């Protein structure tokens, strides 16, 4: 952590300890996993009873302004609701800008998915402060989400379906439809395929799982989807990626004793090349 951010964070904790609406809190994120470095920020989670939840959340800007020279951005997450909220912020401390998250869990609605997710991997060792012992009791209950493992065959079907769909977008020179489908469906289907076999990480979103679980040579396969946003570059990227996806899919199906859909993928690949090479649509 940057030393200025450390000071601001501990000043915020001192302020919150005086507010009895806040039962206490704990470290989440890289600190809780012992993976923080000089570039990290804080991800504190605070526990608040239902009767105080909305009023306490409304005071988050006050807490952040009180410990910074300037609150530049307060960005509430789109998923904020009556059980869980996160306020991302950018604050100025002297000449430097820092990010600081502010998570709030409703003590009376712990079964919500986001609440359980932000207890995952957290124990009494991660407690920042505990006004009445209720934070320790809350964490002792072991709330957590299950680790989601993608469906291998679903990822394969999604991939080849969208390869066939790309043909019309290439013929129309529809760059933005191509970008959307390549990044949203092809790339993420390839991510899901690899995570269906390699994921052994019980925290983090797909990008963390790719970084920590998937072998480096397979990570290189995922980079092949990114190119310049012109027709020729996108076509070359898709053609290269199809080969890499097929290779990975066949390998993972063998390892998991699954039947790879050879007939479908070979026909779609052949049809893709045929249509892109021809001006005749009949």
Foldseek 3Di string as FASTA:
>chain_A
DAPLLVQLVVVLQVVVLVPVQWQFWFWFDCVLVVNDDNQDHTDIETEGALVCQVVVVVCVVVSNVVSAVAWDDWAKDPPDDSAKTKTWTWGHHPPDIDIYIYIYGHPVPCQDQVNLQRLPSDAPVGTPDGNDCVVNVSSVVNRHDFDDQADQVVLQVQQLVLLLVCLVCLVVQVLVVLVCCLVVRNLVSLLSNQRNQFFPDRHDDSVVRCVPTGDPVSVVLSVLCDFDSGSVSNVVSVVSSLVSSVVSSVVVCVVVVHDDPVVSSVVSVVVSVVSSVDPDPD
